[in-house]
All heavy atoms as atom14 arrays in JSON, in Angstrom:
{
  "sequence": "TQFRTRNNDLVTVPNSMISKESFINYSSPSRVSGRLVEVGVDYRH",
  "atom14_mask": [
    [1, 1, 1, 1, 1, 1, 1, 0, 0, 0, 0, 0, 0, 0],
    [1, 1, 1, 1, 1, 1, 1, 1, 1, 0, 0, 0, 0, 0],
    [1, 1, 1, 1, 1, 1, 1, 1, 1, 1, 1, 0, 0, 0],
    [1, 1, 1, 1, 1, 1, 1, 1, 1, 1, 1, 0, 0, 0],
    [1, 1, 1, 1, 1, 1, 1, 0, 0, 0, 0, 0, 0, 0],
    [1, 1, 1, 1, 1, 1, 1, 1, 1, 1, 1, 0, 0, 0],
    [1, 1, 1, 1, 1, 1, 1, 1, 0, 0, 0, 0, 0, 0],
    [1, 1, 1, 1, 1, 1, 1, 1, 0, 0, 0, 0, 0, 0],
    [1, 1, 1, 1, 1, 1, 1, 1, 0, 0, 0, 0, 0, 0],
    [1, 1, 1, 1, 1, 1, 1, 1, 0, 0, 0, 0, 0, 0],
    [1, 1, 1, 1, 1, 1, 1, 0, 0, 0, 0, 0, 0, 0],
    [1, 1, 1, 1, 1, 1, 1, 0, 0, 0, 0, 0, 0, 0],
    [1, 1, 1, 1, 1, 1, 1, 0, 0, 0, 0, 0, 0, 0],
    [1, 1, 1, 1, 1, 1, 1, 0, 0, 0, 0, 0, 0, 0],
    [1, 1, 1, 1, 1, 1, 1, 1, 0, 0, 0, 0, 0, 0],
    [1, 1, 1, 1, 1, 1, 0, 0, 0, 0, 0, 0, 0, 0],
    [1, 1, 1, 1, 1, 1, 1, 1, 0, 0, 0, 0, 0, 0],
    [1, 1, 1, 1, 1, 1, 1, 1, 0, 0, 0, 0, 0, 0],
    [1, 1, 1, 1, 1, 1, 0, 0, 0, 0, 0, 0, 0, 0],
    [1, 1, 1, 1, 1, 1, 1, 1, 1, 0, 0, 0, 0, 0],
    [1, 1, 1, 1, 1, 1, 1, 1, 1, 0, 0, 0, 0, 0],
    [1, 1, 1, 1, 1, 1, 0, 0, 0, 0, 0, 0, 0, 0],
    [1, 1, 1, 1, 1, 1, 1, 1, 1, 1, 1, 0, 0, 0],
    [1, 1, 1, 1, 1, 1, 1, 1, 0, 0, 0, 0, 0, 0],
    [1, 1, 1, 1, 1, 1, 1, 1, 0, 0, 0, 0, 0, 0],
    [1, 1, 1, 1, 1, 1, 1, 1, 1, 1, 1, 1, 0, 0],
    [1, 1, 1, 1, 1, 1, 0, 0, 0, 0, 0, 0, 0, 0],
    [1, 1, 1, 1, 1, 1, 0, 0, 0, 0, 0, 0, 0, 0],
    [1, 1, 1, 1, 1, 1, 1, 0, 0, 0, 0, 0, 0, 0],
    [1, 1, 1, 1, 1, 1, 0, 0, 0, 0, 0, 0, 0, 0],
    [1, 1, 1, 1, 1, 1, 1, 1, 1, 1, 1, 0, 0, 0],
    [1, 1, 1, 1, 1, 1, 1, 0, 0, 0, 0, 0, 0, 0],
    [1, 1, 1, 1, 1, 1, 0, 0, 0, 0, 0, 0, 0, 0],
    [1, 1, 1, 1, 0, 0, 0, 0, 0, 0, 0, 0, 0, 0],
    [1, 1, 1, 1, 1, 1, 1, 1, 1, 1, 1, 0, 0, 0],
    [1, 1, 1, 1, 1, 1, 1, 1, 0, 0, 0, 0, 0, 0],
    [1, 1, 1, 1, 1, 1, 1, 0, 0, 0, 0, 0, 0, 0],
    [1, 1, 1, 1, 1, 1, 1, 1, 1, 0, 0, 0, 0, 0],
    [1, 1, 1, 1, 1, 1, 1, 0, 0, 0, 0, 0, 0, 0],
    [1, 1, 1, 1, 0, 0, 0, 0, 0, 0, 0, 0, 0, 0],
    [1, 1, 1, 1, 1, 1, 1, 0, 0, 0, 0, 0, 0, 0],
    [1, 1, 1, 1, 1, 1, 1, 1, 0, 0, 0, 0, 0, 0],
    [1, 1, 1, 1, 1, 1, 1, 1, 1, 1, 1, 1, 0, 0],
    [1, 1, 1, 1, 1, 1, 1, 1, 1, 1, 1, 0, 0, 0],
    [1, 1, 1, 1, 1, 1, 1, 1, 1, 1, 0, 0, 0, 0]
  ],
  "atom14_positions": [
    [[13.15, 7.1, 11.14], [13.16, 5.69, 10.77], [13.01, 5.6, 9.26], [12.17, 6.29, 8.67], [12.01, 4.93, 11.45], [12.2, 4.97, 12.87], [11.95, 3.48, 10.99], [0.0, 0.0, 0.0], [0.0, 0.0, 0.0], [0.0, 0.0, 0.0], [0.0, 0.0, 0.0], [0.0, 0.0, 0.0], [0.0, 0.0, 0.0], [0.0, 0.0, 0.0]],
    [[13.81, 4.74, 8.64], [13.75, 4.53, 7.21], [13.28, 3.11, 6.91], [13.68, 2.17, 7.58], [15.11, 4.76, 6.55], [15.62, 6.2, 6.63], [16.96, 6.35, 5.94], [17.79, 5.44, 5.97], [17.19, 7.5, 5.33], [0.0, 0.0, 0.0], [0.0, 0.0, 0.0], [0.0, 0.0, 0.0], [0.0, 0.0, 0.0], [0.0, 0.0, 0.0]],
    [[12.42, 2.97, 5.91], [12.06, 1.63, 5.45], [11.83, 1.66, 3.94], [11.5, 2.7, 3.37], [10.84, 1.08, 6.19], [9.59, 1.91, 6.09], [8.65, 1.64, 5.13], [9.36, 2.94, 7.0], [7.49, 2.38, 5.04], [8.19, 3.69, 6.92], [7.27, 3.41, 5.94], [0.0, 0.0, 0.0], [0.0, 0.0, 0.0], [0.0, 0.0, 0.0]],
    [[12.01, 0.49, 3.31], [11.86, 0.35, 1.87], [10.51, -0.26, 1.54], [10.12, -1.25, 2.13], [12.98, -0.51, 1.27], [14.33, 0.16, 1.28], [15.33, -0.53, 0.37], [16.59, 0.19, 0.32], [16.83, 1.23, -0.46], [15.88, 1.65, -1.29], [18.0, 1.83, -0.44], [0.0, 0.0, 0.0], [0.0, 0.0, 0.0], [0.0, 0.0, 0.0]],
    [[9.83, 0.35, 0.59], [8.52, -0.13, 0.18], [8.67, -1.29, -0.8], [9.79, -1.66, -1.2], [7.72, 1.0, -0.49], [8.36, 1.36, -1.73], [7.65, 2.21, 0.41], [0.0, 0.0, 0.0], [0.0, 0.0, 0.0], [0.0, 0.0, 0.0], [0.0, 0.0, 0.0], [0.0, 0.0, 0.0], [0.0, 0.0, 0.0], [0.0, 0.0, 0.0]],
    [[7.55, -1.88, -1.22], [7.59, -2.98, -2.18], [8.13, -2.54, -3.53], [8.61, -3.35, -4.32], [6.19, -3.58, -2.35], [5.68, -4.24, -1.09], [4.4, -5.0, -1.36], [3.9, -5.59, -0.12], [4.32, -6.74, 0.39], [5.25, -7.42, -0.26], [3.82, -7.2, 1.52], [0.0, 0.0, 0.0], [0.0, 0.0, 0.0], [0.0, 0.0, 0.0]],
    [[8.05, -1.23, -3.81], [8.59, -0.7, -5.06], [10.06, -0.3, -4.92], [10.6, 0.37, -5.8], [7.77, 0.5, -5.52], [6.35, 0.13, -5.88], [6.1, -0.98, -6.34], [5.41, 1.04, -5.65], [0.0, 0.0, 0.0], [0.0, 0.0, 0.0], [0.0, 0.0, 0.0], [0.0, 0.0, 0.0], [0.0, 0.0, 0.0], [0.0, 0.0, 0.0]],
    [[10.68, -0.68, -3.78], [12.09, -0.39, -3.5], [12.36, 1.1, -3.32], [13.47, 1.57, -3.54], [12.99, -0.95, -4.62], [14.4, -1.2, -4.13], [14.61, -1.57, -2.98], [15.38, -0.98, -4.99], [0.0, 0.0, 0.0], [0.0, 0.0, 0.0], [0.0, 0.0, 0.0], [0.0, 0.0, 0.0], [0.0, 0.0, 0.0], [0.0, 0.0, 0.0]],
    [[11.31, 1.85, -2.93], [11.49, 3.27, -2.61], [11.87, 3.4, -1.13], [11.3, 2.72, -0.27], [10.21, 4.05, -2.88], [9.8, 3.99, -4.34], [10.7, 4.01, -5.2], [8.58, 3.92, -4.62], [0.0, 0.0, 0.0], [0.0, 0.0, 0.0], [0.0, 0.0, 0.0], [0.0, 0.0, 0.0], [0.0, 0.0, 0.0], [0.0, 0.0, 0.0]],
    [[12.81, 4.29, -0.85], [13.24, 4.52, 0.53], [12.41, 5.65, 1.14], [12.41, 6.78, 0.64], [14.73, 4.88, 0.57], [15.35, 5.03, 1.96], [15.32, 3.69, 2.69], [16.78, 5.54, 1.85], [0.0, 0.0, 0.0], [0.0, 0.0, 0.0], [0.0, 0.0, 0.0], [0.0, 0.0, 0.0], [0.0, 0.0, 0.0], [0.0, 0.0, 0.0]],
    [[11.69, 5.34, 2.2], [10.82, 6.31, 2.88], [11.43, 6.65, 4.23], [11.79, 5.75, 5.0], [9.4, 5.75, 3.05], [8.52, 6.74, 3.81], [8.79, 5.43, 1.7], [0.0, 0.0, 0.0], [0.0, 0.0, 0.0], [0.0, 0.0, 0.0], [0.0, 0.0, 0.0], [0.0, 0.0, 0.0], [0.0, 0.0, 0.0], [0.0, 0.0, 0.0]],
    [[11.55, 7.94, 4.53], [12.07, 8.41, 5.82], [10.94, 9.08, 6.6], [10.31, 10.03, 6.1], [13.22, 9.41, 5.62], [14.27, 8.78, 4.88], [13.78, 9.87, 6.97], [0.0, 0.0, 0.0], [0.0, 0.0, 0.0], [0.0, 0.0, 0.0], [0.0, 0.0, 0.0], [0.0, 0.0, 0.0], [0.0, 0.0, 0.0], [0.0, 0.0, 0.0]],
    [[10.68, 8.58, 7.8], [9.58, 9.09, 8.62], [10.16, 9.58, 9.94], [10.88, 8.83, 10.63], [8.53, 7.99, 8.9], [7.39, 8.54, 9.75], [7.99, 7.43, 7.59], [0.0, 0.0, 0.0], [0.0, 0.0, 0.0], [0.0, 0.0, 0.0], [0.0, 0.0, 0.0], [0.0, 0.0, 0.0], [0.0, 0.0, 0.0], [0.0, 0.0, 0.0]],
    [[9.91, 10.85, 10.33], [10.39, 11.33, 11.63], [9.85, 10.47, 12.77], [8.7, 10.03, 12.74], [9.84, 12.77, 11.71], [9.61, 13.16, 10.28], [9.21, 11.91, 9.57], [0.0, 0.0, 0.0], [0.0, 0.0, 0.0], [0.0, 0.0, 0.0], [0.0, 0.0, 0.0], [0.0, 0.0, 0.0], [0.0, 0.0, 0.0], [0.0, 0.0, 0.0]],
    [[10.71, 10.25, 13.77], [10.3, 9.4, 14.89], [9.11, 9.96, 15.65], [8.31, 9.21, 16.21], [11.48, 9.19, 15.84], [12.54, 8.3, 15.24], [12.23, 7.43, 14.43], [13.79, 8.51, 15.61], [0.0, 0.0, 0.0], [0.0, 0.0, 0.0], [0.0, 0.0, 0.0], [0.0, 0.0, 0.0], [0.0, 0.0, 0.0], [0.0, 0.0, 0.0]],
    [[8.99, 11.3, 15.68], [7.87, 11.9, 16.4], [6.54, 11.52, 15.76], [5.53, 11.34, 16.45], [8.01, 13.43, 16.43], [8.07, 13.96, 15.11], [0.0, 0.0, 0.0], [0.0, 0.0, 0.0], [0.0, 0.0, 0.0], [0.0, 0.0, 0.0], [0.0, 0.0, 0.0], [0.0, 0.0, 0.0], [0.0, 0.0, 0.0], [0.0, 0.0, 0.0]],
    [[6.52, 11.35, 14.44], [5.29, 10.94, 13.75], [4.96, 9.49, 14.08], [3.8, 9.14, 14.32], [5.44, 11.11, 12.23], [5.49, 12.56, 11.77], [5.58, 12.67, 9.97], [4.07, 11.85, 9.51], [0.0, 0.0, 0.0], [0.0, 0.0, 0.0], [0.0, 0.0, 0.0], [0.0, 0.0, 0.0], [0.0, 0.0, 0.0], [0.0, 0.0, 0.0]],
    [[5.98, 8.63, 14.09], [5.74, 7.22, 14.39], [5.23, 7.04, 15.81], [4.36, 6.21, 16.08], [7.03, 6.4, 14.17], [7.41, 6.42, 12.69], [6.86, 4.97, 14.66], [8.63, 5.62, 12.36], [0.0, 0.0, 0.0], [0.0, 0.0, 0.0], [0.0, 0.0, 0.0], [0.0, 0.0, 0.0], [0.0, 0.0, 0.0], [0.0, 0.0, 0.0]],
    [[5.75, 7.85, 16.74], [5.33, 7.71, 18.14], [3.89, 8.16, 18.35], [3.27, 7.77, 19.34], [6.26, 8.54, 19.04], [6.15, 9.93, 18.75], [0.0, 0.0, 0.0], [0.0, 0.0, 0.0], [0.0, 0.0, 0.0], [0.0, 0.0, 0.0], [0.0, 0.0, 0.0], [0.0, 0.0, 0.0], [0.0, 0.0, 0.0], [0.0, 0.0, 0.0]],
    [[3.35, 8.94, 17.41], [1.98, 9.44, 17.56], [0.95, 8.58, 16.82], [-0.24, 8.71, 17.07], [1.88, 10.88, 17.04], [2.71, 11.88, 17.84], [2.63, 13.26, 17.2], [3.51, 14.27, 17.93], [3.48, 15.59, 17.28], [0.0, 0.0, 0.0], [0.0, 0.0, 0.0], [0.0, 0.0, 0.0], [0.0, 0.0, 0.0], [0.0, 0.0, 0.0]],
    [[1.41, 7.75, 15.88], [0.51, 6.99, 15.04], [0.57, 5.5, 15.37], [1.54, 5.01, 15.93], [0.85, 7.19, 13.55], [0.74, 8.63, 13.07], [-0.71, 9.07, 12.96], [-1.59, 8.18, 12.89], [-0.95, 10.3, 12.95], [0.0, 0.0, 0.0], [0.0, 0.0, 0.0], [0.0, 0.0, 0.0], [0.0, 0.0, 0.0], [0.0, 0.0, 0.0]],
    [[-0.48, 4.77, 14.96], [-0.49, 3.32, 15.1], [0.18, 2.69, 13.87], [0.08, 3.22, 12.76], [-1.93, 2.79, 15.21], [-2.57, 3.34, 16.35], [0.0, 0.0, 0.0], [0.0, 0.0, 0.0], [0.0, 0.0, 0.0], [0.0, 0.0, 0.0], [0.0, 0.0, 0.0], [0.0, 0.0, 0.0], [0.0, 0.0, 0.0], [0.0, 0.0, 0.0]],
    [[0.86, 1.59, 14.07], [1.46, 0.86, 12.96], [1.34, -0.63, 13.24], [1.13, -1.05, 14.38], [2.93, 1.29, 12.74], [3.83, 1.02, 13.91], [4.46, -0.21, 14.07], [4.05, 2.0, 14.87], [5.28, -0.46, 15.14], [4.87, 1.75, 15.95], [5.49, 0.52, 16.09], [0.0, 0.0, 0.0], [0.0, 0.0, 0.0], [0.0, 0.0, 0.0]],
    [[1.48, -1.43, 12.19], [1.38, -2.89, 12.3], [2.75, -3.48, 12.01], [3.36, -3.15, 11.0], [0.35, -3.46, 11.32], [-1.03, -2.85, 11.57], [0.29, -4.99, 11.41], [-2.08, -3.28, 10.55], [0.0, 0.0, 0.0], [0.0, 0.0, 0.0], [0.0, 0.0, 0.0], [0.0, 0.0, 0.0], [0.0, 0.0, 0.0], [0.0, 0.0, 0.0]],
    [[3.21, -4.36, 12.88], [4.45, -5.09, 12.67], [4.09, -6.52, 12.28], [3.62, -7.3, 13.1], [5.31, -5.08, 13.93], [6.7, -5.66, 13.69], [6.93, -6.36, 12.7], [7.63, -5.35, 14.57], [0.0, 0.0, 0.0], [0.0, 0.0, 0.0], [0.0, 0.0, 0.0], [0.0, 0.0, 0.0], [0.0, 0.0, 0.0], [0.0, 0.0, 0.0]],
    [[4.32, -6.87, 10.99], [3.97, -8.19, 10.49], [5.0, -9.25, 10.86], [4.79, -10.44, 10.58], [3.81, -8.15, 8.97], [2.69, -7.26, 8.5], [2.96, -6.0, 7.96], [1.36, -7.66, 8.61], [1.92, -5.17, 7.53], [0.32, -6.85, 8.18], [0.62, -5.6, 7.65], [-0.4, -4.78, 7.23], [0.0, 0.0, 0.0], [0.0, 0.0, 0.0]],
    [[6.11, -8.83, 11.45], [7.19, -9.77, 11.8], [7.29, -10.05, 13.28], [8.21, -10.74, 13.73], [8.53, -9.22, 11.29], [8.5, -8.96, 9.91], [0.0, 0.0, 0.0], [0.0, 0.0, 0.0], [0.0, 0.0, 0.0], [0.0, 0.0, 0.0], [0.0, 0.0, 0.0], [0.0, 0.0, 0.0], [0.0, 0.0, 0.0], [0.0, 0.0, 0.0]],
    [[6.35, -9.54, 14.08], [6.4, -9.71, 15.52], [5.0, -10.08, 16.02], [3.99, -9.56, 15.5], [6.88, -8.43, 16.19], [6.93, -8.57, 17.58], [0.0, 0.0, 0.0], [0.0, 0.0, 0.0], [0.0, 0.0, 0.0], [0.0, 0.0, 0.0], [0.0, 0.0, 0.0], [0.0, 0.0, 0.0], [0.0, 0.0, 0.0], [0.0, 0.0, 0.0]],
    [[4.89, -10.97, 16.98], [5.97, -11.61, 17.78], [6.7, -12.73, 17.05], [7.7, -13.22, 17.53], [5.21, -12.17, 18.99], [3.84, -12.45, 18.46], [3.56, -11.37, 17.46], [0.0, 0.0, 0.0], [0.0, 0.0, 0.0], [0.0, 0.0, 0.0], [0.0, 0.0, 0.0], [0.0, 0.0, 0.0], [0.0, 0.0, 0.0], [0.0, 0.0, 0.0]],
    [[6.18, -13.18, 15.88], [6.89, -14.15, 15.05], [6.68, -13.78, 13.6], [5.86, -12.91, 13.27], [6.4, -15.58, 15.32], [5.12, -15.77, 14.75], [0.0, 0.0, 0.0], [0.0, 0.0, 0.0], [0.0, 0.0, 0.0], [0.0, 0.0, 0.0], [0.0, 0.0, 0.0], [0.0, 0.0, 0.0], [0.0, 0.0, 0.0], [0.0, 0.0, 0.0]],
    [[7.4, -14.43, 12.71], [7.29, -14.12, 11.28], [6.08, -14.82, 10.64], [5.8, -14.63, 9.46], [8.58, -14.5, 10.55], [9.83, -13.88, 11.16], [11.01, -13.98, 10.23], [10.94, -12.98, 9.19], [11.37, -11.72, 9.31], [11.89, -11.3, 10.46], [11.27, -10.88, 8.31], [0.0, 0.0, 0.0], [0.0, 0.0, 0.0], [0.0, 0.0, 0.0]],
    [[5.37, -15.64, 11.42], [4.17, -16.31, 10.92], [3.01, -15.32, 10.93], [2.7, -14.73, 11.96], [3.84, -17.55, 11.76], [2.54, -18.17, 11.3], [4.98, -18.56, 11.69], [0.0, 0.0, 0.0], [0.0, 0.0, 0.0], [0.0, 0.0, 0.0], [0.0, 0.0, 0.0], [0.0, 0.0, 0.0], [0.0, 0.0, 0.0], [0.0, 0.0, 0.0]],
    [[2.4, -15.16, 9.76], [1.32, -14.18, 9.62], [0.14, -14.82, 8.91], [0.31, -15.57, 7.94], [1.81, -12.96, 8.82], [0.77, -12.03, 8.6], [0.0, 0.0, 0.0], [0.0, 0.0, 0.0], [0.0, 0.0, 0.0], [0.0, 0.0, 0.0], [0.0, 0.0, 0.0], [0.0, 0.0, 0.0], [0.0, 0.0, 0.0], [0.0, 0.0, 0.0]],
    [[-1.06, -14.56, 9.4], [-2.27, -15.09, 8.77], [-2.78, -14.18, 7.67], [-2.7, -12.95, 7.77], [0.0, 0.0, 0.0], [0.0, 0.0, 0.0], [0.0, 0.0, 0.0], [0.0, 0.0, 0.0], [0.0, 0.0, 0.0], [0.0, 0.0, 0.0], [0.0, 0.0, 0.0], [0.0, 0.0, 0.0], [0.0, 0.0, 0.0], [0.0, 0.0, 0.0]],
    [[-3.29, -14.79, 6.59], [-3.84, -14.03, 5.48], [-5.26, -14.49, 5.2], [-5.6, -15.66, 5.38], [-2.99, -14.21, 4.21], [-1.53, -13.92, 4.4], [-1.27, -12.53, 4.96], [-1.82, -11.49, 4.12], [-1.95, -10.22, 4.53], [-1.62, -9.87, 5.76], [-2.45, -9.33, 3.7], [0.0, 0.0, 0.0], [0.0, 0.0, 0.0], [0.0, 0.0, 0.0]],
    [[-6.09, -13.57, 4.73], [-7.48, -13.87, 4.42], [-7.74, -13.64, 2.94], [-7.36, -12.6, 2.39], [-8.42, -12.98, 5.24], [-8.39, -13.16, 6.77], [-9.31, -12.14, 7.43], [-8.82, -14.57, 7.14], [0.0, 0.0, 0.0], [0.0, 0.0, 0.0], [0.0, 0.0, 0.0], [0.0, 0.0, 0.0], [0.0, 0.0, 0.0], [0.0, 0.0, 0.0]],
    [[-8.34, -14.62, 2.3], [-8.74, -14.5, 0.9], [-10.23, -14.83, 0.82], [-10.66, -15.87, 1.33], [-7.93, -15.45, -0.01], [-8.46, -15.41, -1.44], [-6.45, -15.09, 0.02], [0.0, 0.0, 0.0], [0.0, 0.0, 0.0], [0.0, 0.0, 0.0], [0.0, 0.0, 0.0], [0.0, 0.0, 0.0], [0.0, 0.0, 0.0], [0.0, 0.0, 0.0]],
    [[-11.0, -13.97, 0.18], [-12.44, -14.19, 0.05], [-12.78, -14.52, -1.4], [-12.18, -13.98, -2.33], [-13.22, -12.96, 0.5], [-13.1, -12.69, 2.0], [-14.0, -11.57, 2.46], [-14.71, -10.98, 1.6], [-14.02, -11.27, 3.67], [0.0, 0.0, 0.0], [0.0, 0.0, 0.0], [0.0, 0.0, 0.0], [0.0, 0.0, 0.0], [0.0, 0.0, 0.0]],
    [[-13.75, -15.41, -1.57], [-14.19, -15.8, -2.91], [-15.68, -16.08, -2.86], [-16.2, -16.66, -1.9], [-13.41, -17.04, -3.4], [-13.6, -18.22, -2.46], [-13.8, -17.42, -4.81], [0.0, 0.0, 0.0], [0.0, 0.0, 0.0], [0.0, 0.0, 0.0], [0.0, 0.0, 0.0], [0.0, 0.0, 0.0], [0.0, 0.0, 0.0], [0.0, 0.0, 0.0]],
    [[-16.37, -15.65, -3.9], [-17.8, -15.89, -4.02], [-18.09, -17.06, -4.94], [-17.48, -17.19, -6.0], [0.0, 0.0, 0.0], [0.0, 0.0, 0.0], [0.0, 0.0, 0.0], [0.0, 0.0, 0.0], [0.0, 0.0, 0.0], [0.0, 0.0, 0.0], [0.0, 0.0, 0.0], [0.0, 0.0, 0.0], [0.0, 0.0, 0.0], [0.0, 0.0, 0.0]],
    [[-19.02, -17.91, -4.54], [-19.33, -19.14, -5.28], [-20.85, -19.22, -5.51], [-21.64, -18.74, -4.69], [-18.83, -20.38, -4.5], [-19.24, -21.66, -5.19], [-17.31, -20.33, -4.37], [0.0, 0.0, 0.0], [0.0, 0.0, 0.0], [0.0, 0.0, 0.0], [0.0, 0.0, 0.0], [0.0, 0.0, 0.0], [0.0, 0.0, 0.0], [0.0, 0.0, 0.0]],
    [[-21.22, -19.84, -6.62], [-22.63, -19.99, -6.96], [-23.39, -20.76, -5.86], [-22.85, -21.68, -5.24], [-22.74, -20.74, -8.28], [-24.14, -20.65, -8.87], [-25.04, -21.34, -8.35], [-24.31, -19.9, -9.84], [0.0, 0.0, 0.0], [0.0, 0.0, 0.0], [0.0, 0.0, 0.0], [0.0, 0.0, 0.0], [0.0, 0.0, 0.0], [0.0, 0.0, 0.0]],
    [[-24.66, -20.4, -5.66], [-25.48, -21.0, -4.62], [-25.72, -22.5, -4.83], [-26.01, -23.22, -3.88], [-26.84, -20.29, -4.55], [-26.85, -19.11, -3.6], [-26.52, -17.84, -4.05], [-27.2, -19.27, -2.25], [-26.53, -16.75, -3.2], [-27.21, -18.19, -1.39], [-26.88, -16.93, -1.86], [-26.89, -15.87, -1.0], [0.0, 0.0, 0.0], [0.0, 0.0, 0.0]],
    [[-25.6, -22.99, -6.06], [-25.95, -24.39, -6.32], [-24.9, -25.36, -5.79], [-25.14, -26.56, -5.75], [-26.13, -24.61, -7.82], [-24.89, -24.38, -8.66], [-25.25, -24.39, -10.15], [-24.11, -24.08, -10.99], [-23.3, -24.98, -11.51], [-23.52, -26.26, -11.26], [-22.29, -24.63, -12.28], [0.0, 0.0, 0.0], [0.0, 0.0, 0.0], [0.0, 0.0, 0.0]],
    [[-23.74, -24.88, -5.37], [-22.69, -25.76, -4.86], [-22.79, -25.87, -3.34], [-22.93, -24.86, -2.64], [-21.31, -25.24, -5.24], [-21.14, -25.02, -6.72], [-21.2, -26.05, -7.62], [-20.93, -23.89, -7.44], [-21.02, -25.57, -8.84], [-20.86, -24.26, -8.76], [0.0, 0.0, 0.0], [0.0, 0.0, 0.0], [0.0, 0.0, 0.0], [0.0, 0.0, 0.0]]
  ]
}
């Protein structure tokens, strides 16, 4: 399986490795994906 990284590098991974490892599909079951952003704020607010 081949995929392109954010730096536009082409990475080739043997299928046997993919079948043995866990991976995350951000486009399934839909293209809607949740994101988390954390921020620290002063106690006085």
